[in-house]
Amino acid sequence: MKKALITGITGQDGAYLAQLLLEKGYTVIGGFRRLSTPNFWRLEELGILDKIVMVEIDMLDAGNLVRVIEKYKPDEVYNLAAQSFVAHSFANPVLTGNVTGLGVANILEAIRIVNKDIKFYQASTSELFGKVQETPQKETTPFYPRSPYAVAKLYGHWMTINYREAYGIFASIGILFNHESPLRGIEFVTRKITDAIAKIYHGKQDYFEIGNLDSKRDWGYAKEFVEGMWRILQAQRPDNYVLATGETHSVREWVEVCFKYIGKNIVWEGAGVDEVGKDAKSGKTLVKVNPEFFRPAEVDYLVGDASKAKKELGWEPKVKFKELAEIMLKRDIERNR
């Protein structure tokens, strides 16, 4: 029976990956950061918390990581731990750099010290492409990060390649484009929108505020993307892979699709920070733009080319934009009853 250590197991991807690996017969060791209030709700929602060996880890403590790897002897390590909220990274760039960047070096060094035969997966991000230099973006597209989060991820990305080349570690990278689900944190724009619209549907909220309506992203379903992570570590050799749907849609489109699901058509009036979205039937304002939600340096357009993953790994996403929005909104309508 294979054993896998997942850092960041309490996050969206960690929870879905743990579920997948348990279904495949793995023993799953879940690395989590101790908080004053436990944050296990995703694992509880999936009904898998009691099936995981939970262990406290500190990505900034190399000794702690060495001891965990020595004790549990994983065959595979999936590093999903990060300060992953882009807006928060502008307010806390040093913390983000330490956890999201240096944390990668710490866990790679622990693997080098304890057992170089462990397979390692590093979660990179489409935010690396930032101010895009090529469309669509693929594994060979030059990076141009536009946030402290993306810069920290870039360090982790190249450190993973360095340990692969310098020490012969099976260290692979998934450059994942945006992937969402009902387990997404409410601070992320897709889930913020579905939660707010669910509250509007139930009469608990009148409107919500949003930032840049015209940012475009390649949005996929997280449950499918974690299977891509697993396939990356089953490949014959370590490498880098883009995982994406190949479609791009704006935040504005996400808002419109979600409202349409509850029977409301949105019409837009005004421009810039004065733009509002109104219910076409009642004329009631349901969406307002708030410049406080704009990023200091915006990433305007991302769309990925996952043809390498399809060819070499047999990975291909099935859930696309409209279905994804409906999956998330349906669950938030249930939650907000």
C-alpha atoms as a PDB file:
ATOM      1  CA  MET A   1       0.000   0.000   0.000  1.00  0.00           C
ATOM      2  CA  LYS A   2       1.385   3.374  -1.038  1.00  0.00           C
ATOM      3  CA  LYS A   3       1.675   6.217   1.451  1.00  0.00           C
ATOM      4  CA  ALA A   4       1.270   9.882   0.519  1.00  0.00           C
ATOM      5  CA  LEU A   5       1.920  13.013   2.549  1.00  0.00           C
ATOM      6  CA  ILE A   6      -0.259  15.947   1.544  1.00  0.00           C
ATOM      7  CA  THR A   7       0.745  19.339   2.912  1.00  0.00           C
ATOM      8  CA  GLY A   8      -2.090  21.845   2.990  1.00  0.00           C
ATOM      9  CA  ILE A   9      -4.619  19.037   3.358  1.00  0.00           C
ATOM     10  CA  THR A  10      -7.263  21.324   4.865  1.00  0.00           C
ATOM     11  CA  GLY A  11      -7.554  23.351   1.639  1.00  0.00           C
ATOM     12  CA  GLN A  12      -9.799  22.689  -1.340  1.00  0.00           C
ATOM     13  CA  ASP A  13      -7.207  20.727  -3.339  1.00  0.00           C
ATOM     14  CA  GLY A  14      -5.849  18.888  -0.320  1.00  0.00           C
ATOM     15  CA  ALA A  15      -9.293  17.598   0.595  1.00  0.00           C
ATOM     16  CA  TYR A  16     -10.173  16.413  -2.911  1.00  0.00           C
ATOM     17  CA  LEU A  17      -6.719  14.868  -3.417  1.00  0.00           C
ATOM     18  CA  ALA A  18      -6.996  13.025  -0.110  1.00  0.00           C
ATOM     19  CA  GLN A  19     -10.388  11.663  -1.186  1.00  0.00           C
ATOM     20  CA  LEU A  20      -8.944  10.482  -4.510  1.00  0.00           C
ATOM     21  CA  LEU A  21      -5.902   8.796  -2.955  1.00  0.00           C
ATOM     22  CA  LEU A  22      -8.015   7.046  -0.324  1.00  0.00           C
ATOM     23  CA  GLU A  23     -10.192   5.668  -3.134  1.00  0.00           C
ATOM     24  CA  LYS A  24      -7.013   4.373  -4.771  1.00  0.00           C
ATOM     25  CA  GLY A  25      -5.994   2.542  -1.597  1.00  0.00           C
ATOM     26  CA  TYR A  26      -3.327   4.935  -0.319  1.00  0.00           C
ATOM     27  CA  THR A  27      -2.563   5.617   3.300  1.00  0.00           C
ATOM     28  CA  VAL A  28      -2.904   9.409   3.493  1.00  0.00           C
ATOM     29  CA  ILE A  29      -0.902  11.502   5.921  1.00  0.00           C
ATOM     30  CA  GLY A  30      -2.419  14.969   6.161  1.00  0.00           C
ATOM     31  CA  GLY A  31      -0.103  17.821   7.019  1.00  0.00           C
ATOM     32  CA  PHE A  32      -1.898  20.782   8.558  1.00  0.00           C
ATOM     33  CA  ARG A  33      -0.987  24.059  10.246  1.00  0.00           C
ATOM     34  CA  ARG A  34      -2.288  24.361  13.786  1.00  0.00           C
ATOM     35  CA  LEU A  35      -4.803  27.155  14.250  1.00  0.00           C
ATOM     36  CA  SER A  36      -6.646  28.273  17.370  1.00  0.00           C
ATOM     37  CA  THR A  37      -9.802  26.935  15.700  1.00  0.00           C
ATOM     38  CA  PRO A  38      -9.409  23.704  13.684  1.00  0.00           C
ATOM     39  CA  ASN A  39     -10.153  24.130   9.969  1.00  0.00           C
ATOM     40  CA  PHE A  40     -11.202  20.611   9.004  1.00  0.00           C
ATOM     41  CA  TRP A  41     -14.635  21.413   7.526  1.00  0.00           C
ATOM     42  CA  ARG A  42     -13.747  20.320   3.997  1.00  0.00           C
ATOM     43  CA  LEU A  43     -12.512  16.921   5.143  1.00  0.00           C
ATOM     44  CA  GLU A  44     -15.628  16.575   7.300  1.00  0.00           C
ATOM     45  CA  GLU A  45     -17.887  17.540   4.393  1.00  0.00           C
ATOM     46  CA  LEU A  46     -16.295  14.795   2.270  1.00  0.00           C
ATOM     47  CA  GLY A  47     -16.614  12.338   5.168  1.00  0.00           C
ATOM     48  CA  ILE A  48     -12.914  11.415   5.175  1.00  0.00           C
ATOM     49  CA  LEU A  49     -11.400  13.119   8.236  1.00  0.00           C
ATOM     50  CA  ASP A  50     -11.336   9.909  10.279  1.00  0.00           C
ATOM     51  CA  LYS A  51      -9.616   8.043   7.432  1.00  0.00           C
ATOM     52  CA  ILE A  52      -6.555  10.339   7.358  1.00  0.00           C
ATOM     53  CA  VAL A  53      -3.515  10.336   9.620  1.00  0.00           C
ATOM     54  CA  MET A  54      -3.455  14.013  10.568  1.00  0.00           C
ATOM     55  CA  VAL A  55      -0.103  15.511  11.564  1.00  0.00           C
ATOM     56  CA  GLU A  56       0.834  19.053  12.475  1.00  0.00           C
ATOM     57  CA  ILE A  57       3.538  20.501  10.243  1.00  0.00           C
ATOM     58  CA  ASP A  58       5.348  23.806   9.978  1.00  0.00           C
ATOM     59  CA  MET A  59       6.581  24.668   6.493  1.00  0.00           C
ATOM     60  CA  LEU A  60       9.067  27.132   8.011  1.00  0.00           C
ATOM     61  CA  ASP A  61      10.662  24.512  10.284  1.00  0.00           C
ATOM     62  CA  ALA A  62      12.953  22.243   8.274  1.00  0.00           C
ATOM     63  CA  GLY A  63      13.566  20.042  11.320  1.00  0.00           C
ATOM     64  CA  ASN A  64       9.861  19.430  11.753  1.00  0.00           C
ATOM     65  CA  LEU A  65       9.549  18.380   8.102  1.00  0.00           C
ATOM     66  CA  VAL A  66      12.521  16.014   8.386  1.00  0.00           C
ATOM     67  CA  ARG A  67      10.988  14.355  11.467  1.00  0.00           C
ATOM     68  CA  VAL A  68       7.581  13.942   9.787  1.00  0.00           C
ATOM     69  CA  ILE A  69       9.088  12.365   6.668  1.00  0.00           C
ATOM     70  CA  GLU A  70      11.337  10.090   8.757  1.00  0.00           C
ATOM     71  CA  LYS A  71       8.398   8.929  10.880  1.00  0.00           C
ATOM     72  CA  TYR A  72       5.761   8.336   8.197  1.00  0.00           C
ATOM     73  CA  LYS A  73       8.010   7.319   5.275  1.00  0.00           C
ATOM     74  CA  PRO A  74       5.766   8.506   2.418  1.00  0.00           C
ATOM     75  CA  ASP A  75       6.238   7.249  -1.137  1.00  0.00           C
ATOM     76  CA  GLU A  76       4.810  10.492  -2.529  1.00  0.00           C
ATOM     77  CA  VAL A  77       4.674  14.063  -1.195  1.00  0.00           C
ATOM     78  CA  TYR A  78       2.168  16.545  -2.590  1.00  0.00           C
ATOM     79  CA  ASN A  79       3.059  20.069  -1.546  1.00  0.00           C
ATOM     80  CA  LEU A  80      -0.165  22.060  -1.583  1.00  0.00           C
ATOM     81  CA  ALA A  81       0.641  24.221   1.451  1.00  0.00           C
ATOM     82  CA  ALA A  82       0.735  27.934   0.659  1.00  0.00           C
ATOM     83  CA  GLN A  83      -0.597  31.354   1.511  1.00  0.00           C
ATOM     84  CA  SER A  84      -2.646  31.182  -1.666  1.00  0.00           C
ATOM     85  CA  PHE A  85      -4.943  34.215  -1.603  1.00  0.00           C
ATOM     86  CA  VAL A  86      -3.462  36.727  -4.059  1.00  0.00           C
ATOM     87  CA  ALA A  87      -5.035  39.842  -2.490  1.00  0.00           C
ATOM     88  CA  HIS A  88      -3.696  38.835   0.933  1.00  0.00           C
ATOM     89  CA  SER A  89      -0.191  38.488  -0.518  1.00  0.00           C
ATOM     90  CA  PHE A  90      -0.047  42.213  -1.279  1.00  0.00           C
ATOM     91  CA  ALA A  91      -0.809  42.986   2.371  1.00  0.00           C
ATOM     92  CA  ASN A  92       1.540  40.253   3.684  1.00  0.00           C
ATOM     93  CA  PRO A  93       4.349  39.819   1.144  1.00  0.00           C
ATOM     94  CA  VAL A  94       7.000  38.559   3.591  1.00  0.00           C
ATOM     95  CA  LEU A  95       4.741  35.925   5.153  1.00  0.00           C
ATOM     96  CA  THR A  96       3.699  34.839   1.674  1.00  0.00           C
ATOM     97  CA  GLY A  97       7.325  34.592   0.572  1.00  0.00           C
ATOM     98  CA  ASN A  98       8.284  32.536   3.594  1.00  0.00           C
ATOM     99  CA  VAL A  99       5.437  30.018   3.433  1.00  0.00           C
ATOM    100  CA  THR A 100       4.774  29.825  -0.305  1.00  0.00           C
ATOM    101  CA  GLY A 101       8.397  30.170  -1.412  1.00  0.00           C
ATOM    102  CA  LEU A 102      10.881  29.108   1.258  1.00  0.00           C
ATOM    103  CA  GLY A 103       8.531  26.401   2.506  1.00  0.00           C
ATOM    104  CA  VAL A 104       9.138  24.567  -0.770  1.00  0.00           C
ATOM    105  CA  ALA A 105      12.897  24.616  -0.211  1.00  0.00           C
ATOM    106  CA  ASN A 106      12.412  23.279   3.316  1.00  0.00           C
ATOM    107  CA  ILE A 107      10.382  20.263   2.242  1.00  0.00           C
ATOM    108  CA  LEU A 108      12.639  19.506  -0.729  1.00  0.00           C
ATOM    109  CA  GLU A 109      15.649  19.621   1.566  1.00  0.00           C
ATOM    110  CA  ALA A 110      13.915  17.272   4.002  1.00  0.00           C
ATOM    111  CA  ILE A 111      13.322  14.805   1.152  1.00  0.00           C
ATOM    112  CA  ARG A 112      16.961  15.099   0.066  1.00  0.00           C
ATOM    113  CA  ILE A 113      18.143  14.363   3.604  1.00  0.00           C
ATOM    114  CA  VAL A 114      15.762  11.521   4.425  1.00  0.00           C
ATOM    115  CA  ASN A 115      15.038   9.679   1.166  1.00  0.00           C
ATOM    116  CA  LYS A 116      15.711  10.920  -2.357  1.00  0.00           C
ATOM    117  CA  ASP A 117      13.483   8.187  -3.800  1.00  0.00           C
ATOM    118  CA  ILE A 118      10.332   9.971  -2.590  1.00  0.00           C
ATOM    119  CA  LYS A 119       8.302  11.424  -5.457  1.00  0.00           C
ATOM    120  CA  PHE A 120       7.503  15.115  -4.998  1.00  0.00           C
ATOM    121  CA  TYR A 121       4.701  17.191  -6.490  1.00  0.00           C
ATOM    122  CA  GLN A 122       4.853  20.998  -6.374  1.00  0.00           C
ATOM    123  CA  ALA A 123       1.690  23.019  -6.916  1.00  0.00           C
ATOM    124  CA  SER A 124       2.574  25.862  -9.260  1.00  0.00           C
ATOM    125  CA  THR A 125       0.003  28.296 -10.618  1.00  0.00           C
ATOM    126  CA  SER A 126      -1.136  30.106 -13.741  1.00  0.00           C
ATOM    127  CA  GLU A 127      -0.487  33.321 -11.797  1.00  0.00           C
ATOM    128  CA  LEU A 128       3.172  32.771 -12.782  1.00  0.00           C
ATOM    129  CA  PHE A 129       2.236  33.948 -16.274  1.00  0.00           C
ATOM    130  CA  GLY A 130       0.786  37.213 -14.915  1.00  0.00           C
ATOM    131  CA  LYS A 131       1.333  39.810 -17.619  1.00  0.00           C
ATOM    132  CA  VAL A 132       1.021  37.207 -20.317  1.00  0.00           C
ATOM    133  CA  GLN A 133       3.749  36.926 -22.945  1.00  0.00           C
ATOM    134  CA  GLU A 134       1.948  34.341 -25.089  1.00  0.00           C
ATOM    135  CA  THR A 135      -1.604  33.067 -25.625  1.00  0.00           C
ATOM    136  CA  PRO A 136      -2.528  30.384 -24.766  1.00  0.00           C
ATOM    137  CA  GLN A 137      -0.034  29.771 -21.992  1.00  0.00           C
ATOM    138  CA  LYS A 138       1.836  26.469 -21.915  1.00  0.00           C
ATOM    139  CA  GLU A 139       4.847  24.915 -20.192  1.00  0.00           C
ATOM    140  CA  THR A 140       7.360  26.903 -22.280  1.00  0.00           C
ATOM    141  CA  THR A 141       5.644  30.299 -21.977  1.00  0.00           C
ATOM    142  CA  PRO A 142       7.865  32.896 -20.220  1.00  0.00           C
ATOM    143  CA  PHE A 143       6.757  33.876 -16.712  1.00  0.00           C
ATOM    144  CA  TYR A 144       5.863  37.414 -15.643  1.00  0.00           C
ATOM    145  CA  PRO A 145       4.455  37.257 -12.073  1.00  0.00           C
ATOM    146  CA  ARG A 146       2.325  40.200 -10.944  1.00  0.00           C
ATOM    147  CA  SER A 147       1.828  39.599  -7.215  1.00  0.00           C
ATOM    148  CA  PRO A 148       3.898  38.604  -4.164  1.00  0.00           C
ATOM    149  CA  TYR A 149       2.047  35.285  -4.244  1.00  0.00           C
ATOM    150  CA  ALA A 150       3.103  34.609  -7.841  1.00  0.00           C
ATOM    151  CA  VAL A 151       6.697  35.694  -7.153  1.00  0.00           C
ATOM    152  CA  ALA A 152       6.861  33.311  -4.182  1.00  0.00           C
ATOM    153  CA  LYS A 153       5.428  30.518  -6.323  1.00  0.00           C
ATOM    154  CA  LEU A 154       8.064  31.232  -8.956  1.00  0.00           C
ATOM    155  CA  TYR A 155      10.797  30.641  -6.366  1.00  0.00           C
ATOM    156  CA  GLY A 156       9.181  27.325  -5.407  1.00  0.00           C
ATOM    157  CA  HIS A 157       8.830  26.392  -9.067  1.00  0.00           C
ATOM    158  CA  TRP A 158      12.497  26.873  -9.878  1.00  0.00           C
ATOM    159  CA  MET A 159      13.644  25.344  -6.595  1.00  0.00           C
ATOM    160  CA  THR A 160      11.723  22.182  -7.536  1.00  0.00           C
ATOM    161  CA  ILE A 161      13.460  22.055 -10.914  1.00  0.00           C
ATOM    162  CA  ASN A 162      16.796  22.664  -9.222  1.00  0.00           C
ATOM    163  CA  TYR A 163      16.363  19.718  -6.823  1.00  0.00           C
ATOM    164  CA  ARG A 164      15.253  17.548  -9.758  1.00  0.00           C
ATOM    165  CA  GLU A 165      18.390  18.387 -11.746  1.00  0.00           C
ATOM    166  CA  ALA A 166      20.913  18.672  -8.918  1.00  0.00           C
ATOM    167  CA  TYR A 167      19.935  15.643  -6.824  1.00  0.00           C
ATOM    168  CA  GLY A 168      17.975  13.402  -9.196  1.00  0.00           C
ATOM    169  CA  ILE A 169      14.787  13.665  -7.150  1.00  0.00           C
ATOM    170  CA  PHE A 170      11.537  12.793  -8.918  1.00  0.00           C
ATOM    171  CA  ALA A 171      10.249  16.342  -8.473  1.00  0.00           C
ATOM    172  CA  SER A 172       7.362  17.304 -10.755  1.00  0.00           C
ATOM    173  CA  ILE A 173       5.286  20.437 -11.166  1.00  0.00           C
ATOM    174  CA  GLY A 174       1.666  21.099 -12.011  1.00  0.00           C
ATOM    175  CA  ILE A 175       1.023  24.582 -13.372  1.00  0.00           C
ATOM    176  CA  LEU A 176      -2.668  24.659 -12.591  1.00  0.00           C
ATOM    177  CA  PHE A 177      -4.999  27.271 -13.963  1.00  0.00           C
ATOM    178  CA  ASN A 178      -7.905  28.412 -11.795  1.00  0.00           C
ATOM    179  CA  HIS A 179      -9.840  25.453 -10.447  1.00  0.00           C
ATOM    180  CA  GLU A 180     -12.926  25.875  -8.326  1.00  0.00           C
ATOM    181  CA  SER A 181     -15.497  23.820  -6.432  1.00  0.00           C
ATOM    182  CA  PRO A 182     -18.011  23.986  -3.602  1.00  0.00           C
ATOM    183  CA  LEU A 183     -15.004  23.563  -1.280  1.00  0.00           C
ATOM    184  CA  ARG A 184     -13.387  26.798  -2.505  1.00  0.00           C
ATOM    185  CA  GLY A 185     -12.668  29.371   0.206  1.00  0.00           C
ATOM    186  CA  ILE A 186     -15.238  32.135   0.386  1.00  0.00           C
ATOM    187  CA  GLU A 187     -12.532  34.782  -0.093  1.00  0.00           C
ATOM    188  CA  PHE A 188     -12.031  33.646  -3.701  1.00  0.00           C
ATOM    189  CA  VAL A 189     -14.117  35.495  -6.273  1.00  0.00           C
ATOM    190  CA  THR A 190     -16.020  32.533  -7.739  1.00  0.00           C
ATOM    191  CA  ARG A 191     -17.179  31.276  -4.349  1.00  0.00           C
ATOM    192  CA  LYS A 192     -17.769  34.818  -3.069  1.00  0.00           C
ATOM    193  CA  ILE A 193     -20.191  35.277  -5.964  1.00  0.00           C
ATOM    194  CA  THR A 194     -22.007  31.942  -5.608  1.00  0.00           C
ATOM    195  CA  ASP A 195     -22.405  32.431  -1.860  1.00  0.00           C
ATOM    196  CA  ALA A 196     -23.739  35.976  -2.293  1.00  0.00           C
ATOM    197  CA  ILE A 197     -26.189  34.969  -5.036  1.00  0.00           C
ATOM    198  CA  ALA A 198     -27.401  32.075  -2.889  1.00  0.00           C
ATOM    199  CA  LYS A 199     -28.094  34.552  -0.073  1.00  0.00           C
ATOM    200  CA  ILE A 200     -29.910  36.854  -2.516  1.00  0.00           C
ATOM    201  CA  TYR A 201     -31.956  33.865  -3.683  1.00  0.00           C
ATOM    202  CA  HIS A 202     -33.015  33.152  -0.085  1.00  0.00           C
ATOM    203  CA  GLY A 203     -33.738  36.827   0.644  1.00  0.00           C
ATOM    204  CA  LYS A 204     -30.847  37.106   3.114  1.00  0.00           C
ATOM    205  CA  GLN A 205     -28.882  39.711   1.130  1.00  0.00           C
ATOM    206  CA  ASP A 206     -29.781  42.525  -1.279  1.00  0.00           C
ATOM    207  CA  TYR A 207     -26.602  42.917  -3.358  1.00  0.00           C
ATOM    208  CA  PHE A 208     -22.870  42.224  -3.327  1.00  0.00           C
ATOM    209  CA  GLU A 209     -19.724  44.135  -4.246  1.00  0.00           C
ATOM    210  CA  ILE A 210     -17.057  42.975  -6.672  1.00  0.00           C
ATOM    211  CA  GLY A 211     -13.747  44.183  -8.080  1.00  0.00           C
ATOM    212  CA  ASN A 212     -12.605  43.863 -11.690  1.00  0.00           C
ATOM    213  CA  LEU A 213     -15.508  42.442 -13.690  1.00  0.00           C
ATOM    214  CA  ASP A 214     -13.459  42.069 -16.862  1.00  0.00           C
ATOM    215  CA  SER A 215     -10.613  39.872 -15.584  1.00  0.00           C
ATOM    216  CA  LYS A 216     -10.608  36.680 -17.630  1.00  0.00           C
ATOM    217  CA  ARG A 217      -9.638  33.286 -16.275  1.00  0.00           C
ATOM    218  CA  ASP A 218      -9.468  29.676 -17.366  1.00  0.00           C
ATOM    219  CA  TRP A 219     -11.725  28.036 -14.763  1.00  0.00           C
ATOM    220  CA  GLY A 220     -11.886  24.275 -14.204  1.00  0.00           C
ATOM    221  CA  TYR A 221     -13.249  21.853 -11.608  1.00  0.00           C
ATOM    222  CA  ALA A 222     -10.864  21.162  -8.723  1.00  0.00           C
ATOM    223  CA  LYS A 223     -12.000  17.566  -8.325  1.00  0.00           C
ATOM    224  CA  GLU A 224     -10.742  16.817 -11.849  1.00  0.00           C
ATOM    225  CA  PHE A 225      -7.541  18.788 -11.403  1.00  0.00           C
ATOM    226  CA  VAL A 226      -6.379  16.760  -8.393  1.00  0.00           C
ATOM    227  CA  GLU A 227      -6.534  13.648 -10.564  1.00  0.00           C
ATOM    228  CA  GLY A 228      -4.101  15.479 -12.837  1.00  0.00           C
ATOM    229  CA  MET A 229      -1.777  15.962  -9.860  1.00  0.00           C
ATOM    230  CA  TRP A 230      -1.815  12.247  -9.159  1.00  0.00           C
ATOM    231  CA  ARG A 231      -1.200  11.381 -12.823  1.00  0.00           C
ATOM    232  CA  ILE A 232       1.794  13.738 -12.873  1.00  0.00           C
ATOM    233  CA  LEU A 233       3.502  11.635 -10.189  1.00  0.00           C
ATOM    234  CA  GLN A 234       2.657   8.371 -12.001  1.00  0.00           C
ATOM    235  CA  ALA A 235       4.505   9.465 -15.155  1.00  0.00           C
ATOM    236  CA  GLN A 236       7.730   7.665 -16.082  1.00  0.00           C
ATOM    237  CA  ARG A 237       9.869  10.756 -15.550  1.00  0.00           C
ATOM    238  CA  PRO A 238       9.527  14.021 -13.615  1.00  0.00           C
ATOM    239  CA  ASP A 239       8.396  17.034 -15.623  1.00  0.00           C
ATOM    240  CA  ASN A 240       6.225  20.165 -15.667  1.00  0.00           C
ATOM    241  CA  TYR A 241       2.601  20.098 -16.848  1.00  0.00           C
ATOM    242  CA  VAL A 242      -0.039  22.742 -17.446  1.00  0.00           C
ATOM    243  CA  LEU A 243      -3.542  21.717 -16.341  1.00  0.00           C
ATOM    244  CA  ALA A 244      -6.294  23.886 -17.826  1.00  0.00           C
ATOM    245  CA  THR A 245      -9.601  23.755 -19.712  1.00  0.00           C
ATOM    246  CA  GLY A 246      -8.457  25.848 -22.681  1.00  0.00           C
ATOM    247  CA  GLU A 247     -11.405  28.232 -22.285  1.00  0.00           C
ATOM    248  CA  THR A 248     -11.376  31.714 -20.785  1.00  0.00           C
ATOM    249  CA  HIS A 249     -14.296  33.609 -19.276  1.00  0.00           C
ATOM    250  CA  SER A 250     -14.671  36.904 -17.431  1.00  0.00           C
ATOM    251  CA  VAL A 251     -15.838  37.504 -13.878  1.00  0.00           C
ATOM    252  CA  ARG A 252     -18.770  39.321 -15.473  1.00  0.00           C
ATOM    253  CA  GLU A 253     -19.768  36.130 -17.306  1.00  0.00           C
ATOM    254  CA  TRP A 254     -19.546  34.152 -14.044  1.00  0.00           C
ATOM    255  CA  VAL A 255     -21.944  36.625 -12.408  1.00  0.00           C
ATOM    256  CA  GLU A 256     -24.373  36.424 -15.337  1.00  0.00           C
ATOM    257  CA  VAL A 257     -24.376  32.606 -15.509  1.00  0.00           C
ATOM    258  CA  CYS A 258     -24.956  32.287 -11.766  1.00  0.00           C
ATOM    259  CA  PHE A 259     -27.842  34.753 -11.730  1.00  0.00           C
ATOM    260  CA  LYS A 260     -29.389  33.046 -14.748  1.00  0.00           C
ATOM    261  CA  TYR A 261     -29.423  29.798 -12.760  1.00  0.00           C
ATOM    262  CA  ILE A 262     -31.825  31.430 -10.256  1.00  0.00           C
ATOM    263  CA  GLY A 263     -33.928  32.977 -13.011  1.00  0.00           C
ATOM    264  CA  LYS A 264     -32.488  36.495 -13.081  1.00  0.00           C
ATOM    265  CA  ASN A 265     -31.043  38.260 -16.114  1.00  0.00           C
ATOM    266  CA  ILE A 266     -28.471  40.941 -15.386  1.00  0.00           C
ATOM    267  CA  VAL A 267     -28.208  44.202 -17.310  1.00  0.00           C
ATOM    268  CA  TRP A 268     -25.193  46.435 -16.778  1.00  0.00           C
ATOM    269  CA  GLU A 269     -25.336  50.195 -16.400  1.00  0.00           C
ATOM    270  CA  GLY A 270     -22.592  52.777 -15.943  1.00  0.00           C
ATOM    271  CA  ALA A 271     -18.850  52.326 -16.395  1.00  0.00           C
ATOM    272  CA  GLY A 272     -15.753  51.734 -14.315  1.00  0.00           C
ATOM    273  CA  VAL A 273     -16.254  51.996 -10.560  1.00  0.00           C
ATOM    274  CA  ASP A 274     -19.764  53.347 -11.156  1.00  0.00           C
ATOM    275  CA  GLU A 275     -20.931  50.266 -13.039  1.00  0.00           C
ATOM    276  CA  VAL A 276     -23.784  48.276 -11.510  1.00  0.00           C
ATOM    277  CA  GLY A 277     -25.580  45.077 -12.414  1.00  0.00           C
ATOM    278  CA  LYS A 278     -29.359  45.215 -12.230  1.00  0.00           C
ATOM    279  CA  ASP A 279     -32.144  42.661 -12.391  1.00  0.00           C
ATOM    280  CA  ALA A 280     -33.579  43.183 -15.882  1.00  0.00           C
ATOM    281  CA  LYS A 281     -37.105  42.522 -14.626  1.00  0.00           C
ATOM    282  CA  SER A 282     -37.289  44.493 -11.373  1.00  0.00           C
ATOM    283  CA  GLY A 283     -34.545  47.066 -11.975  1.00  0.00           C
ATOM    284  CA  LYS A 284     -33.110  46.288  -8.549  1.00  0.00           C
ATOM    285  CA  THR A 285     -29.322  46.696  -8.173  1.00  0.00           C
ATOM    286  CA  LEU A 286     -27.739  43.329  -7.366  1.00  0.00           C
ATOM    287  CA  VAL A 287     -24.045  43.957  -8.140  1.00  0.00           C
ATOM    288  CA  LYS A 288     -21.833  46.953  -7.363  1.00  0.00           C
ATOM    289  CA  VAL A 289     -18.180  47.597  -8.190  1.00  0.00           C
ATOM    290  CA  ASN A 290     -15.901  48.383  -5.255  1.00  0.00           C
ATOM    291  CA  PRO A 291     -12.376  49.605  -6.150  1.00  0.00           C
ATOM    292  CA  GLU A 292     -11.086  48.243  -2.824  1.00  0.00           C
ATOM    293  CA  PHE A 293     -11.222  44.807  -4.426  1.00  0.00           C
ATOM    294  CA  PHE A 294      -8.934  45.778  -7.325  1.00  0.00           C
ATOM    295  CA  ARG A 295      -5.404  44.358  -7.263  1.00  0.00           C
ATOM    296  CA  PRO A 296      -2.460  46.785  -7.247  1.00  0.00           C
ATOM    297  CA  ALA A 297      -1.164  44.933 -10.339  1.00  0.00           C
ATOM    298  CA  GLU A 298      -3.890  43.142 -12.253  1.00  0.00           C
ATOM    299  CA  VAL A 299      -3.679  39.909 -14.229  1.00  0.00           C
ATOM    300  CA  ASP A 300      -6.144  40.502 -17.047  1.00  0.00           C
ATOM    301  CA  TYR A 301      -6.199  37.384 -19.191  1.00  0.00           C
ATOM    302  CA  LEU A 302      -5.274  33.749 -18.604  1.00  0.00           C
ATOM    303  CA  VAL A 303      -6.031  30.716 -20.758  1.00  0.00           C
ATOM    304  CA  GLY A 304      -4.045  27.501 -20.699  1.00  0.00           C
ATOM    305  CA  ASP A 305      -2.946  24.880 -23.208  1.00  0.00           C
ATOM    306  CA  ALA A 306      -3.012  21.443 -21.528  1.00  0.00           C
ATOM    307  CA  SER A 307      -2.224  19.452 -24.681  1.00  0.00           C
ATOM    308  CA  LYS A 308       0.984  18.052 -23.139  1.00  0.00           C
ATOM    309  CA  ALA A 309      -0.934  16.658 -20.147  1.00  0.00           C
ATOM    310  CA  LYS A 310      -3.546  15.174 -22.468  1.00  0.00           C
ATOM    311  CA  LYS A 311      -0.906  13.533 -24.683  1.00  0.00           C
ATOM    312  CA  GLU A 312       1.474  12.258 -21.985  1.00  0.00           C
ATOM    313  CA  LEU A 313      -0.831  11.692 -19.007  1.00  0.00           C
ATOM    314  CA  GLY A 314      -4.202  11.060 -20.625  1.00  0.00           C
ATOM    315  CA  TRP A 315      -5.670  13.888 -18.535  1.00  0.00           C
ATOM    316  CA  GLU A 316      -8.510  15.950 -19.914  1.00  0.00           C
ATOM    317  CA  PRO A 317     -11.114  18.057 -18.067  1.00  0.00           C
ATOM    318  CA  LYS A 318     -14.798  17.335 -18.609  1.00  0.00           C
ATOM    319  CA  VAL A 319     -16.573  19.956 -16.466  1.00  0.00           C
ATOM    320  CA  LYS A 320     -16.587  23.337 -18.166  1.00  0.00           C
ATOM    321  CA  PHE A 321     -17.560  26.864 -17.180  1.00  0.00           C
ATOM    322  CA  LYS A 322     -21.366  26.798 -17.039  1.00  0.00           C
ATOM    323  CA  GLU A 323     -21.598  23.411 -15.355  1.00  0.00           C
ATOM    324  CA  LEU A 324     -18.957  24.407 -12.806  1.00  0.00           C
ATOM    325  CA  ALA A 325     -20.849  27.587 -11.872  1.00  0.00           C
ATOM    326  CA  GLU A 326     -24.050  25.581 -11.452  1.00  0.00           C
ATOM    327  CA  ILE A 327     -22.348  22.934  -9.272  1.00  0.00           C
ATOM    328  CA  MET A 328     -21.045  25.626  -6.926  1.00  0.00           C
ATOM    329  CA  LEU A 329     -24.209  27.723  -6.822  1.00  0.00           C
ATOM    330  CA  LYS A 330     -26.424  24.705  -6.193  1.00  0.00           C
ATOM    331  CA  ARG A 331     -24.324  23.731  -3.163  1.00  0.00           C
ATOM    332  CA  ASP A 332     -24.313  27.288  -1.790  1.00  0.00           C
ATOM    333  CA  ILE A 333     -28.101  27.485  -2.155  1.00  0.00           C
ATOM    334  CA  GLU A 334     -28.279  24.332  -0.013  1.00  0.00           C
ATOM    335  CA  ARG A 335     -25.832  25.734   2.540  1.00  0.00           C
ATOM    336  CA  ASN A 336     -27.665  29.038   2.917  1.00  0.00           C
ATOM    337  CA  ARG A 337     -31.132  27.610   3.551  1.00  0.00           C
END
